[in-house]
């Protein structure tokens, strides 16, 4: 949603894969940064000499937002993500028969040593 605002987005490199990581291009839709250089990047963004570039980044980000952050696109993408997740789960289940073997092994070795409470 930050890309839909009238501001330049400074994106600190995440430790994980972002949802829109394939769609968004550094220096086109946002300014990339890291925790090590965030101060320098912020200075660069507010420097008046870079005003035209920052305006172009905001335009590109807003354009992406208008194309991507719509109800139809989000619903279609959610369905795609759910189908991909279902396929991944199916593939995982098919390739991991060891889990069922492990459960069978563990349960077959269990000894019923419980004492009947009614027994005297």
PDB file of N, CA and C in Angstrom:
ATOM      1  N   UNK A   1       0.820  -1.194   0.000  1.00  0.00           N
ATOM      2  CA  UNK A   1       0.000   0.000   0.000  1.00  0.00           C
ATOM      3  C   UNK A   1       0.864   1.258   0.000  1.00  0.00           C
ATOM      4  N   UNK A   2       2.083   1.161   0.488  1.00  0.00           N
ATOM      5  CA  UNK A   2       2.959   2.333   0.481  1.00  0.00           C
ATOM      6  C   UNK A   2       3.234   2.814  -0.942  1.00  0.00           C
ATOM      7  N   UNK A   3       3.261   1.886  -1.884  1.00  0.00           N
ATOM      8  CA  UNK A   3       3.516   2.266  -3.266  1.00  0.00           C
ATOM      9  C   UNK A   3       2.358   3.051  -3.869  1.00  0.00           C
ATOM     10  N   UNK A   4       1.222   3.044  -3.214  1.00  0.00           N
ATOM     11  CA  UNK A   4       0.044   3.775  -3.689  1.00  0.00           C
ATOM     12  C   UNK A   4       0.011   5.200  -3.161  1.00  0.00           C
ATOM     13  N   UNK A   5       0.975   5.582  -2.365  1.00  0.00           N
ATOM     14  CA  UNK A   5       1.003   6.932  -1.807  1.00  0.00           C
ATOM     15  C   UNK A   5       1.812   7.851  -2.720  1.00  0.00           C
ATOM     16  N   UNK A   6       1.860   9.100  -2.373  1.00  0.00           N
ATOM     17  CA  UNK A   6       2.583  10.080  -3.166  1.00  0.00           C
ATOM     18  C   UNK A   6       3.971  10.312  -2.570  1.00  0.00           C
ATOM     19  N   UNK A   7       4.610   9.221  -2.170  1.00  0.00           N
ATOM     20  CA  UNK A   7       5.919   9.302  -1.529  1.00  0.00           C
ATOM     21  C   UNK A   7       6.842   8.240  -2.092  1.00  0.00           C
ATOM     22  N   UNK A   8       8.120   8.522  -2.017  1.00  0.00           N
ATOM     23  CA  UNK A   8       9.118   7.524  -2.403  1.00  0.00           C
ATOM     24  C   UNK A   8       9.196   6.482  -1.299  1.00  0.00           C
ATOM     25  N   UNK A   9       9.223   5.225  -1.689  1.00  0.00           N
ATOM     26  CA  UNK A   9       9.333   4.142  -0.725  1.00  0.00           C
ATOM     27  C   UNK A   9      10.791   3.700  -0.658  1.00  0.00           C
ATOM     28  N   UNK A  10      11.322   3.687   0.548  1.00  0.00           N
ATOM     29  CA  UNK A  10      12.652   3.125   0.793  1.00  0.00           C
ATOM     30  C   UNK A  10      12.408   1.749   1.377  1.00  0.00           C
ATOM     31  N   UNK A  11      12.880   0.736   0.683  1.00  0.00           N
ATOM     32  CA  UNK A  11      12.628  -0.649   1.094  1.00  0.00           C
ATOM     33  C   UNK A  11      13.917  -1.270   1.615  1.00  0.00           C
ATOM     34  N   UNK A  12      13.926  -1.588   2.889  1.00  0.00           N
ATOM     35  CA  UNK A  12      15.079  -2.252   3.496  1.00  0.00           C
ATOM     36  C   UNK A  12      15.020  -3.723   3.117  1.00  0.00           C
ATOM     37  N   UNK A  13      16.156  -4.260   2.684  1.00  0.00           N
ATOM     38  CA  UNK A  13      16.220  -5.661   2.279  1.00  0.00           C
ATOM     39  C   UNK A  13      15.654  -6.554   3.374  1.00  0.00           C
ATOM     40  N   UNK A  14      14.627  -7.360   3.034  1.00  0.00           N
ATOM     41  CA  UNK A  14      14.050  -8.248   4.045  1.00  0.00           C
ATOM     42  C   UNK A  14      14.860  -9.536   4.180  1.00  0.00           C
ATOM     43  N   UNK A  15      14.604 -10.247   5.261  1.00  0.00           N
ATOM     44  CA  UNK A  15      15.242 -11.543   5.492  1.00  0.00           C
ATOM     45  C   UNK A  15      14.431 -12.672   4.865  1.00  0.00           C
ATOM     46  N   UNK A  16      13.389 -12.335   4.152  1.00  0.00           N
ATOM     47  CA  UNK A  16      12.477 -13.319   3.583  1.00  0.00           C
ATOM     48  C   UNK A  16      12.077 -12.858   2.182  1.00  0.00           C
ATOM     49  N   UNK A  17      11.402 -13.709   1.447  1.00  0.00           N
ATOM     50  CA  UNK A  17      10.926 -13.356   0.119  1.00  0.00           C
ATOM     51  C   UNK A  17       9.624 -12.588   0.263  1.00  0.00           C
ATOM     52  N   UNK A  18       9.581 -11.434  -0.367  1.00  0.00           N
ATOM     53  CA  UNK A  18       8.368 -10.614  -0.329  1.00  0.00           C
ATOM     54  C   UNK A  18       7.308 -11.180  -1.248  1.00  0.00           C
ATOM     55  N   UNK A  19       6.079 -10.839  -0.952  1.00  0.00           N
ATOM     56  CA  UNK A  19       4.947 -11.296  -1.747  1.00  0.00           C
ATOM     57  C   UNK A  19       5.037 -10.813  -3.192  1.00  0.00           C
ATOM     58  N   UNK A  20       5.395  -9.550  -3.386  1.00  0.00           N
ATOM     59  CA  UNK A  20       5.461  -8.978  -4.728  1.00  0.00           C
ATOM     60  C   UNK A  20       6.899  -8.890  -5.243  1.00  0.00           C
ATOM     61  N   UNK A  21       7.798  -9.706  -4.730  1.00  0.00           N
ATOM     62  CA  UNK A  21       9.209  -9.536  -5.051  1.00  0.00           C
ATOM     63  C   UNK A  21       9.524  -9.636  -6.540  1.00  0.00           C
ATOM     64  N   UNK A  22       8.750 -10.378  -7.296  1.00  0.00           N
ATOM     65  CA  UNK A  22       9.034 -10.524  -8.723  1.00  0.00           C
ATOM     66  C   UNK A  22       8.523  -9.341  -9.531  1.00  0.00           C
ATOM     67  N   UNK A  23       7.503  -8.658  -9.039  1.00  0.00           N
ATOM     68  CA  UNK A  23       6.908  -7.551  -9.776  1.00  0.00           C
ATOM     69  C   UNK A  23       7.646  -6.234  -9.596  1.00  0.00           C
ATOM     70  N   UNK A  24       8.206  -6.023  -8.457  1.00  0.00           N
ATOM     71  CA  UNK A  24       8.781  -4.727  -8.132  1.00  0.00           C
ATOM     72  C   UNK A  24      10.263  -4.671  -8.463  1.00  0.00           C
ATOM     73  N   UNK A  25      10.653  -3.567  -9.062  1.00  0.00           N
ATOM     74  CA  UNK A  25      12.032  -3.400  -9.527  1.00  0.00           C
ATOM     75  C   UNK A  25      12.701  -2.292  -8.723  1.00  0.00           C
ATOM     76  N   UNK A  26      13.862  -2.604  -8.123  1.00  0.00           N
ATOM     77  CA  UNK A  26      14.592  -1.572  -7.376  1.00  0.00           C
ATOM     78  C   UNK A  26      14.952  -0.402  -8.300  1.00  0.00           C
ATOM     79  N   UNK A  27      14.925   0.783  -7.760  1.00  0.00           N
ATOM     80  CA  UNK A  27      15.226   2.025  -8.474  1.00  0.00           C
ATOM     81  C   UNK A  27      14.221   2.363  -9.568  1.00  0.00           C
ATOM     82  N   UNK A  28      13.180   1.570  -9.718  1.00  0.00           N
ATOM     83  CA  UNK A  28      12.076   1.916 -10.611  1.00  0.00           C
ATOM     84  C   UNK A  28      10.808   2.146  -9.789  1.00  0.00           C
ATOM     85  N   UNK A  29      10.510   1.188  -8.872  1.00  0.00           N
ATOM     86  CA  UNK A  29       9.322   1.292  -8.029  1.00  0.00           C
ATOM     87  C   UNK A  29       9.644   1.751  -6.610  1.00  0.00           C
ATOM     88  N   UNK A  30      10.858   1.550  -6.186  1.00  0.00           N
ATOM     89  CA  UNK A  30      11.269   1.906  -4.826  1.00  0.00           C
ATOM     90  C   UNK A  30      12.776   2.074  -4.794  1.00  0.00           C
ATOM     91  N   UNK A  31      13.266   2.632  -3.703  1.00  0.00           N
ATOM     92  CA  UNK A  31      14.707   2.776  -3.492  1.00  0.00           C
ATOM     93  C   UNK A  31      15.143   1.680  -2.523  1.00  0.00           C
ATOM     94  N   UNK A  32      16.065   0.821  -2.943  1.00  0.00           N
ATOM     95  CA  UNK A  32      16.519  -0.249  -2.040  1.00  0.00           C
ATOM     96  C   UNK A  32      17.501   0.298  -0.994  1.00  0.00           C
ATOM     97  N   UNK A  33      17.493  -0.352   0.151  1.00  0.00           N
ATOM     98  CA  UNK A  33      18.414   0.026   1.226  1.00  0.00           C
ATOM     99  C   UNK A  33      18.693  -1.203   2.071  1.00  0.00           C
ATOM    100  N   UNK A  34      19.665  -1.078   2.927  1.00  0.00           N
ATOM    101  CA  UNK A  34      19.951  -2.117   3.921  1.00  0.00           C
ATOM    102  C   UNK A  34      20.082  -1.405   5.263  1.00  0.00           C
ATOM    103  N   UNK A  35      20.141  -2.153   6.308  1.00  0.00           N
ATOM    104  CA  UNK A  35      20.294  -1.538   7.624  1.00  0.00           C
ATOM    105  C   UNK A  35      21.643  -0.813   7.723  1.00  0.00           C
ATOM    106  N   UNK A  36      22.608  -1.237   6.920  1.00  0.00           N
ATOM    107  CA  UNK A  36      23.934  -0.616   6.960  1.00  0.00           C
ATOM    108  C   UNK A  36      23.984   0.739   6.264  1.00  0.00           C
ATOM    109  N   UNK A  37      23.102   0.958   5.263  1.00  0.00           N
ATOM    110  CA  UNK A  37      23.197   2.203   4.505  1.00  0.00           C
ATOM    111  C   UNK A  37      21.915   3.044   4.513  1.00  0.00           C
ATOM    112  N   UNK A  38      21.014   2.777   5.410  1.00  0.00           N
ATOM    113  CA  UNK A  38      19.721   3.453   5.414  1.00  0.00           C
ATOM    114  C   UNK A  38      19.853   4.967   5.559  1.00  0.00           C
ATOM    115  N   UNK A  39      20.792   5.435   6.345  1.00  0.00           N
ATOM    116  CA  UNK A  39      20.969   6.878   6.534  1.00  0.00           C
ATOM    117  C   UNK A  39      21.411   7.546   5.240  1.00  0.00           C
ATOM    118  N   UNK A  40      22.367   6.937   4.556  1.00  0.00           N
ATOM    119  CA  UNK A  40      22.848   7.491   3.290  1.00  0.00           C
ATOM    120  C   UNK A  40      21.740   7.474   2.230  1.00  0.00           C
ATOM    121  N   UNK A  41      20.976   6.401   2.197  1.00  0.00           N
ATOM    122  CA  UNK A  41      19.879   6.296   1.232  1.00  0.00           C
ATOM    123  C   UNK A  41      18.829   7.364   1.503  1.00  0.00           C
ATOM    124  N   UNK A  42      18.488   7.585   2.754  1.00  0.00           N
ATOM    125  CA  UNK A  42      17.511   8.618   3.101  1.00  0.00           C
ATOM    126  C   UNK A  42      18.015   9.994   2.677  1.00  0.00           C
ATOM    127  N   UNK A  43      19.291  10.271   2.880  1.00  0.00           N
ATOM    128  CA  UNK A  43      19.865  11.548   2.427  1.00  0.00           C
ATOM    129  C   UNK A  43      19.756  11.680   0.909  1.00  0.00           C
ATOM    130  N   UNK A  44      20.030  10.604   0.206  1.00  0.00           N
ATOM    131  CA  UNK A  44      19.951  10.594  -1.258  1.00  0.00           C
ATOM    132  C   UNK A  44      18.522  10.908  -1.722  1.00  0.00           C
ATOM    133  N   UNK A  45      17.538  10.297  -1.077  1.00  0.00           N
ATOM    134  CA  UNK A  45      16.138  10.479  -1.470  1.00  0.00           C
ATOM    135  C   UNK A  45      15.691  11.925  -1.287  1.00  0.00           C
ATOM    136  N   UNK A  46      16.077  12.575  -0.216  1.00  0.00           N
ATOM    137  CA  UNK A  46      15.623  13.946   0.045  1.00  0.00           C
ATOM    138  C   UNK A  46      16.511  15.014  -0.586  1.00  0.00           C
ATOM    139  N   UNK A  47      17.585  14.620  -1.217  1.00  0.00           N
ATOM    140  CA  UNK A  47      18.472  15.575  -1.879  1.00  0.00           C
ATOM    141  C   UNK A  47      17.740  16.207  -3.069  1.00  0.00           C
ATOM    142  N   UNK A  48      17.617  17.526  -3.110  1.00  0.00           N
ATOM    143  CA  UNK A  48      16.902  18.190  -4.208  1.00  0.00           C
ATOM    144  C   UNK A  48      17.454  17.871  -5.597  1.00  0.00           C
ATOM    145  N   UNK A  49      18.723  17.514  -5.679  1.00  0.00           N
ATOM    146  CA  UNK A  49      19.312  17.162  -6.982  1.00  0.00           C
ATOM    147  C   UNK A  49      18.698  15.886  -7.557  1.00  0.00           C
ATOM    148  N   UNK A  50      18.064  15.076  -6.716  1.00  0.00           N
ATOM    149  CA  UNK A  50      17.469  13.812  -7.165  1.00  0.00           C
ATOM    150  C   UNK A  50      15.948  13.902  -7.293  1.00  0.00           C
ATOM    151  N   UNK A  51      15.425  15.108  -7.264  1.00  0.00           N
ATOM    152  CA  UNK A  51      13.974  15.315  -7.267  1.00  0.00           C
ATOM    153  C   UNK A  51      13.292  14.693  -8.489  1.00  0.00           C
ATOM    154  N   UNK A  52      13.849  14.867  -9.676  1.00  0.00           N
ATOM    155  CA  UNK A  52      13.224  14.311 -10.887  1.00  0.00           C
ATOM    156  C   UNK A  52      13.194  12.783 -10.814  1.00  0.00           C
ATOM    157  N   UNK A  53      14.283  12.187 -10.386  1.00  0.00           N
ATOM    158  CA  UNK A  53      14.318  10.725 -10.262  1.00  0.00           C
ATOM    159  C   UNK A  53      13.291  10.252  -9.237  1.00  0.00           C
ATOM    160  N   UNK A  54      13.166  10.932  -8.123  1.00  0.00           N
ATOM    161  CA  UNK A  54      12.214  10.523  -7.079  1.00  0.00           C
ATOM    162  C   UNK A  54      10.775  10.657  -7.586  1.00  0.00           C
ATOM    163  N   UNK A  55      10.499  11.713  -8.347  1.00  0.00           N
ATOM    164  CA  UNK A  55       9.158  11.874  -8.927  1.00  0.00           C
ATOM    165  C   UNK A  55       8.842  10.740  -9.900  1.00  0.00           C
ATOM    166  N   UNK A  56       9.839  10.328 -10.679  1.00  0.00           N
ATOM    167  CA  UNK A  56       9.638   9.219 -11.617  1.00  0.00           C
ATOM    168  C   UNK A  56       9.410   7.898 -10.892  1.00  0.00           C
ATOM    169  N   UNK A  57      10.088   7.713  -9.778  1.00  0.00           N
ATOM    170  CA  UNK A  57       9.886   6.502  -8.978  1.00  0.00           C
ATOM    171  C   UNK A  57       8.466   6.487  -8.400  1.00  0.00           C
ATOM    172  N   UNK A  58       8.002   7.622  -7.916  1.00  0.00           N
ATOM    173  CA  UNK A  58       6.635   7.699  -7.386  1.00  0.00           C
ATOM    174  C   UNK A  58       5.632   7.400  -8.503  1.00  0.00           C
ATOM    175  N   UNK A  59       5.844   7.949  -9.700  1.00  0.00           N
ATOM    176  CA  UNK A  59       4.937   7.690 -10.833  1.00  0.00           C
ATOM    177  C   UNK A  59       4.913   6.211 -11.179  1.00  0.00           C
ATOM    178  N   UNK A  60       6.082   5.585 -11.240  1.00  0.00           N
ATOM    179  CA  UNK A  60       6.149   4.156 -11.573  1.00  0.00           C
ATOM    180  C   UNK A  60       5.485   3.317 -10.487  1.00  0.00           C
ATOM    181  N   UNK A  61       5.704   3.674  -9.241  1.00  0.00           N
ATOM    182  CA  UNK A  61       5.093   2.938  -8.129  1.00  0.00           C
ATOM    183  C   UNK A  61       3.576   3.089  -8.161  1.00  0.00           C
ATOM    184  N   UNK A  62       3.106   4.304  -8.394  1.00  0.00           N
ATOM    185  CA  UNK A  62       1.654   4.537  -8.476  1.00  0.00           C
ATOM    186  C   UNK A  62       1.039   3.789  -9.648  1.00  0.00           C
ATOM    187  N   UNK A  63       1.726   3.754 -10.764  1.00  0.00           N
ATOM    188  CA  UNK A  63       1.236   3.023 -11.938  1.00  0.00           C
ATOM    189  C   UNK A  63       1.132   1.528 -11.634  1.00  0.00           C
ATOM    190  N   UNK A  64       2.161   0.996 -10.996  1.00  0.00           N
ATOM    191  CA  UNK A  64       2.125  -0.422 -10.590  1.00  0.00           C
ATOM    192  C   UNK A  64       0.946  -0.663  -9.662  1.00  0.00           C
ATOM    193  N   UNK A  65       0.767   0.237  -8.729  1.00  0.00           N
ATOM    194  CA  UNK A  65      -0.303   0.102  -7.744  1.00  0.00           C
ATOM    195  C   UNK A  65      -1.677   0.093  -8.417  1.00  0.00           C
ATOM    196  N   UNK A  66      -1.889   0.991  -9.362  1.00  0.00           N
ATOM    197  CA  UNK A  66      -3.185   1.057 -10.054  1.00  0.00           C
ATOM    198  C   UNK A  66      -3.464  -0.212 -10.847  1.00  0.00           C
ATOM    199  N   UNK A  67      -2.415  -0.838 -11.389  1.00  0.00           N
ATOM    200  CA  UNK A  67      -2.574  -2.088 -12.140  1.00  0.00           C
ATOM    201  C   UNK A  67      -2.736  -3.295 -11.233  1.00  0.00           C
ATOM    202  N   UNK A  68      -2.094  -3.283 -10.099  1.00  0.00           N
ATOM    203  CA  UNK A  68      -1.953  -4.481  -9.276  1.00  0.00           C
ATOM    204  C   UNK A  68      -2.852  -4.521  -8.056  1.00  0.00           C
ATOM    205  N   UNK A  69      -3.093  -3.406  -7.426  1.00  0.00           N
ATOM    206  CA  UNK A  69      -3.853  -3.388  -6.185  1.00  0.00           C
ATOM    207  C   UNK A  69      -5.314  -3.060  -6.506  1.00  0.00           C
ATOM    208  N   UNK A  70      -5.927  -3.991  -7.237  1.00  0.00           N
ATOM    209  CA  UNK A  70      -7.355  -3.881  -7.534  1.00  0.00           C
ATOM    210  C   UNK A  70      -8.016  -5.147  -7.019  1.00  0.00           C
ATOM    211  N   UNK A  71      -9.288  -5.080  -6.774  1.00  0.00           N
ATOM    212  CA  UNK A  71      -9.998  -6.233  -6.216  1.00  0.00           C
ATOM    213  C   UNK A  71      -9.884  -7.460  -7.122  1.00  0.00           C
ATOM    214  N   UNK A  72     -10.089  -7.280  -8.418  1.00  0.00           N
ATOM    215  CA  UNK A  72     -10.030  -8.421  -9.339  1.00  0.00           C
ATOM    216  C   UNK A  72      -8.647  -9.064  -9.370  1.00  0.00           C
ATOM    217  N   UNK A  73      -7.626  -8.248  -9.428  1.00  0.00           N
ATOM    218  CA  UNK A  73      -6.260  -8.782  -9.484  1.00  0.00           C
ATOM    219  C   UNK A  73      -5.906  -9.481  -8.177  1.00  0.00           C
ATOM    220  N   UNK A  74      -6.272  -8.902  -7.065  1.00  0.00           N
ATOM    221  CA  UNK A  74      -5.946  -9.512  -5.761  1.00  0.00           C
ATOM    222  C   UNK A  74      -6.667 -10.842  -5.594  1.00  0.00           C
ATOM    223  N   UNK A  75      -7.958 -10.896  -5.952  1.00  0.00           N
ATOM    224  CA  UNK A  75      -8.709 -12.155  -5.824  1.00  0.00           C
ATOM    225  C   UNK A  75      -8.111 -13.224  -6.735  1.00  0.00           C
ATOM    226  N   UNK A  76      -7.797 -12.856  -7.970  1.00  0.00           N
ATOM    227  CA  UNK A  76      -7.200 -13.815  -8.906  1.00  0.00           C
ATOM    228  C   UNK A  76      -5.847 -14.300  -8.383  1.00  0.00           C
ATOM    229  N   UNK A  77      -5.059 -13.389  -7.837  1.00  0.00           N
ATOM    230  CA  UNK A  77      -3.753 -13.773  -7.309  1.00  0.00           C
ATOM    231  C   UNK A  77      -3.893 -14.648  -6.073  1.00  0.00           C
ATOM    232  N   UNK A  78      -4.865 -14.357  -5.223  1.00  0.00           N
ATOM    233  CA  UNK A  78      -5.087 -15.208  -4.047  1.00  0.00           C
ATOM    234  C   UNK A  78      -5.436 -16.632  -4.467  1.00  0.00           C
ATOM    235  N   UNK A  79      -6.279 -16.772  -5.483  1.00  0.00           N
ATOM    236  CA  UNK A  79      -6.636 -18.109  -5.968  1.00  0.00           C
ATOM    237  C   UNK A  79      -5.405 -18.815  -6.529  1.00  0.00           C
ATOM    238  N   UNK A  80      -4.588 -18.082  -7.273  1.00  0.00           N
ATOM    239  CA  UNK A  80      -3.350 -18.661  -7.809  1.00  0.00           C
ATOM    240  C   UNK A  80      -2.447 -19.126  -6.673  1.00  0.00           C
ATOM    241  N   UNK A  81      -2.303 -18.297  -5.634  1.00  0.00           N
ATOM    242  CA  UNK A  81      -1.453 -18.655  -4.501  1.00  0.00           C
ATOM    243  C   UNK A  81      -1.986 -19.883  -3.770  1.00  0.00           C
ATOM    244  N   UNK A  82      -3.294 -19.966  -3.593  1.00  0.00           N
ATOM    245  CA  UNK A  82      -3.887 -21.139  -2.932  1.00  0.00           C
ATOM    246  C   UNK A  82      -3.675 -22.401  -3.762  1.00  0.00           C
ATOM    247  N   UNK A  83      -3.832 -22.305  -5.073  1.00  0.00           N
ATOM    248  CA  UNK A  83      -3.611 -23.466  -5.934  1.00  0.00           C
ATOM    249  C   UNK A  83      -2.143 -23.891  -5.904  1.00  0.00           C
ATOM    250  N   UNK A  84      -1.241 -22.933  -5.903  1.00  0.00           N
ATOM    251  CA  UNK A  84       0.190 -23.255  -5.819  1.00  0.00           C
ATOM    252  C   UNK A  84       0.509 -23.910  -4.482  1.00  0.00           C
ATOM    253  N   UNK A  85      -0.098 -23.426  -3.415  1.00  0.00           N
ATOM    254  CA  UNK A  85       0.100 -24.005  -2.084  1.00  0.00           C
ATOM    255  C   UNK A  85      -0.434 -25.435  -2.042  1.00  0.00           C
ATOM    256  N   UNK A  86      -1.610 -25.647  -2.630  1.00  0.00           N
ATOM    257  CA  UNK A  86      -2.192 -26.987  -2.677  1.00  0.00           C
ATOM    258  C   UNK A  86      -1.282 -27.940  -3.442  1.00  0.00           C
ATOM    259  N   UNK A  87      -0.748 -27.493  -4.566  1.00  0.00           N
ATOM    260  CA  UNK A  87       0.171 -28.327  -5.346  1.00  0.00           C
ATOM    261  C   UNK A  87       1.434 -28.648  -4.553  1.00  0.00           C
ATOM    262  N   UNK A  88       1.947 -27.651  -3.848  1.00  0.00           N
ATOM    263  CA  UNK A  88       3.150 -27.875  -3.038  1.00  0.00           C
ATOM    264  C   UNK A  88       2.873 -28.876  -1.924  1.00  0.00           C
ATOM    265  N   UNK A  89       1.711 -28.775  -1.293  1.00  0.00           N
ATOM    266  CA  UNK A  89       1.357 -29.735  -0.245  1.00  0.00           C
ATOM    267  C   UNK A  89       1.204 -31.147  -0.816  1.00  0.00           C
ATOM    268  N   UNK A  90       0.564 -31.259  -1.982  1.00  0.00           N
ATOM    269  CA  UNK A  90       0.413 -32.568  -2.617  1.00  0.00           C
ATOM    270  C   UNK A  90       1.770 -33.175  -2.943  1.00  0.00           C
ATOM    271  N   UNK A  91       2.665 -32.369  -3.506  1.00  0.00           N
ATOM    272  CA  UNK A  91       4.005 -32.856  -3.846  1.00  0.00           C
ATOM    273  C   UNK A  91       4.758 -33.262  -2.590  1.00  0.00           C
ATOM    274  N   UNK A  92       4.626 -32.485  -1.542  1.00  0.00           N
ATOM    275  CA  UNK A  92       5.298 -32.803  -0.293  1.00  0.00           C
ATOM    276  C   UNK A  92       4.764 -34.110   0.283  1.00  0.00           C
ATOM    277  N   UNK A  93       3.465 -34.268   0.249  1.00  0.00           N
ATOM    278  CA  UNK A  93       2.852 -35.473   0.800  1.00  0.00           C
ATOM    279  C   UNK A  93       3.278 -36.703   0.005  1.00  0.00           C
ATOM    280  N   UNK A  94       3.321 -36.583  -1.323  1.00  0.00           N
ATOM    281  CA  UNK A  94       3.723 -37.710  -2.171  1.00  0.00           C
ATOM    282  C   UNK A  94       5.180 -38.087  -1.975  1.00  0.00           C
ATOM    283  N   UNK A  95       6.022 -37.115  -1.714  1.00  0.00           N
ATOM    284  CA  UNK A  95       7.449 -37.399  -1.598  1.00  0.00           C
ATOM    285  C   UNK A  95       7.874 -37.764  -0.175  1.00  0.00           C
ATOM    286  N   UNK A  96       6.969 -37.728   0.760  1.00  0.00           N
ATOM    287  CA  UNK A  96       7.336 -37.972   2.153  1.00  0.00           C
ATOM    288  C   UNK A  96       6.575 -39.148   2.751  1.00  0.00           C
ATOM    289  N   UNK A  97       6.706 -40.293   2.109  1.00  0.00           N
ATOM    290  CA  UNK A  97       6.088 -41.496   2.660  1.00  0.00           C
ATOM    291  C   UNK A  97       6.753 -41.901   3.970  1.00  0.00           C
ATOM    292  N   UNK A  98       7.967 -41.408   4.182  1.00  0.00           N
ATOM    293  CA  UNK A  98       8.673 -41.739   5.410  1.00  0.00           C
ATOM    294  C   UNK A  98       7.884 -41.310   6.634  1.00  0.00           C
ATOM    295  N   UNK A  99       7.064 -40.260   6.498  1.00  0.00           N
ATOM    296  CA  UNK A  99       6.306 -39.793   7.654  1.00  0.00           C
ATOM    297  C   UNK A  99       5.308 -40.865   8.103  1.00  0.00           C
ATOM    298  N   UNK A 100       4.605 -41.462   7.152  1.00  0.00           N
ATOM    299  CA  UNK A 100       3.665 -42.522   7.501  1.00  0.00           C
ATOM    300  C   UNK A 100       4.403 -43.748   8.029  1.00  0.00           C
ATOM    301  N   UNK A 101       5.550 -44.059   7.418  1.00  0.00           N
ATOM    302  CA  UNK A 101       6.351 -45.182   7.896  1.00  0.00           C
ATOM    303  C   UNK A 101       6.812 -44.937   9.334  1.00  0.00           C
ATOM    304  N   UNK A 102       7.211 -43.712   9.621  1.00  0.00           N
ATOM    305  CA  UNK A 102       7.669 -43.379  10.958  1.00  0.00           C
ATOM    306  C   UNK A 102       6.527 -43.521  11.963  1.00  0.00           C
ATOM    307  N   UNK A 103       5.356 -43.009  11.595  1.00  0.00           N
ATOM    308  CA  UNK A 103       4.200 -43.131  12.497  1.00  0.00           C
ATOM    309  C   UNK A 103       3.883 -44.603  12.757  1.00  0.00           C
ATOM    310  N   UNK A 104       3.874 -45.419  11.710  1.00  0.00           N
ATOM    311  CA  UNK A 104       3.581 -46.842  11.854  1.00  0.00           C
ATOM    312  C   UNK A 104       4.621 -47.509  12.745  1.00  0.00           C
ATOM    313  N   UNK A 105       5.888 -47.168  12.530  1.00  0.00           N
ATOM    314  CA  UNK A 105       6.957 -47.746  13.330  1.00  0.00           C
ATOM    315  C   UNK A 105       6.790 -47.367  14.799  1.00  0.00           C
ATOM    316  N   UNK A 106       6.550 -46.089  15.051  1.00  0.00           N
ATOM    317  CA  UNK A 106       6.408 -45.627  16.433  1.00  0.00           C
ATOM    318  C   UNK A 106       5.213 -46.275  17.125  1.00  0.00           C
ATOM    319  N   UNK A 107       4.098 -46.370  16.424  1.00  0.00           N
ATOM    320  CA  UNK A 107       2.899 -46.924  17.044  1.00  0.00           C
ATOM    321  C   UNK A 107       2.982 -48.430  17.204  1.00  0.00           C
ATOM    322  N   UNK A 108       3.675 -49.108  16.294  1.00  0.00           N
ATOM    323  CA  UNK A 108       3.746 -50.566  16.395  1.00  0.00           C
ATOM    324  C   UNK A 108       4.619 -51.003  17.565  1.00  0.00           C
ATOM    325  N   UNK A 109       5.508 -50.133  18.003  1.00  0.00           N
ATOM    326  CA  UNK A 109       6.384 -50.483  19.114  1.00  0.00           C
ATOM    327  C   UNK A 109       5.819 -50.125  20.469  1.00  0.00           C
ATOM    328  N   UNK A 110       4.622 -49.569  20.501  1.00  0.00           N
ATOM    329  CA  UNK A 110       4.025 -49.150  21.772  1.00  0.00           C
ATOM    330  C   UNK A 110       3.475 -50.370  22.504  1.00  0.00           C
ATOM    331  N   UNK A 111       3.802 -50.438  23.759  1.00  0.00           N
ATOM    332  CA  UNK A 111       3.311 -51.537  24.589  1.00  0.00           C
ATOM    333  C   UNK A 111       2.216 -50.984  25.487  1.00  0.00           C
ATOM    334  N   UNK A 112       1.099 -51.691  25.536  1.00  0.00           N
ATOM    335  CA  UNK A 112      -0.007 -51.257  26.385  1.00  0.00           C
ATOM    336  C   UNK A 112       0.265 -51.775  27.793  1.00  0.00           C
ATOM    337  N   UNK A 113       0.834 -50.921  28.623  1.00  0.00           N
ATOM    338  CA  UNK A 113       1.161 -51.331  29.986  1.00  0.00           C
ATOM    339  C   UNK A 113       0.270 -50.618  31.013  1.00  0.00           C
ATOM    340  N   UNK A 114      -0.859 -50.089  30.533  1.00  0.00           N
ATOM    341  CA  UNK A 114      -1.790 -49.425  31.445  1.00  0.00           C
ATOM    342  C   UNK A 114      -2.516 -50.481  32.292  1.00  0.00           C
ATOM    343  N   UNK A 115      -2.734 -50.151  33.536  1.00  0.00           N
ATOM    344  CA  UNK A 115      -3.421 -51.058  34.443  1.00  0.00           C
ATOM    345  C   UNK A 115      -4.887 -50.652  34.473  1.00  0.00           C
ATOM    346  N   UNK A 116      -5.759 -51.656  34.376  1.00  0.00           N
ATOM    347  CA  UNK A 116      -7.187 -51.406  34.414  1.00  0.00           C
ATOM    348  C   UNK A 116      -7.559 -50.870  35.798  1.00  0.00           C
ATOM    349  N   UNK A 117      -8.212 -49.731  35.810  1.00  0.00           N
ATOM    350  CA  UNK A 117      -8.588 -49.097  37.088  1.00  0.00           C
ATOM    351  C   UNK A 117      -9.592 -49.945  37.882  1.00  0.00           C
ATOM    352  N   UNK A 118     -10.371 -50.758  37.212  1.00  0.00           N
ATOM    353  CA  UNK A 118     -11.381 -51.581  37.883  1.00  0.00           C
ATOM    354  C   UNK A 118     -10.789 -52.878  38.419  1.00  0.00           C
ATOM    355  N   UNK A 119      -9.607 -53.186  38.034  1.00  0.00           N
ATOM    356  CA  UNK A 119      -9.006 -54.453  38.486  1.00  0.00           C
ATOM    357  C   UNK A 119      -8.558 -54.306  39.934  1.00  0.00           C
ATOM    358  N   UNK A 120      -8.665 -55.405  40.673  1.00  0.00           N
ATOM    359  CA  UNK A 120      -8.286 -55.365  42.089  1.00  0.00           C
ATOM    360  C   UNK A 120      -7.022 -56.115  42.330  1.00  0.00           C
TER     361      UNK A 120
END
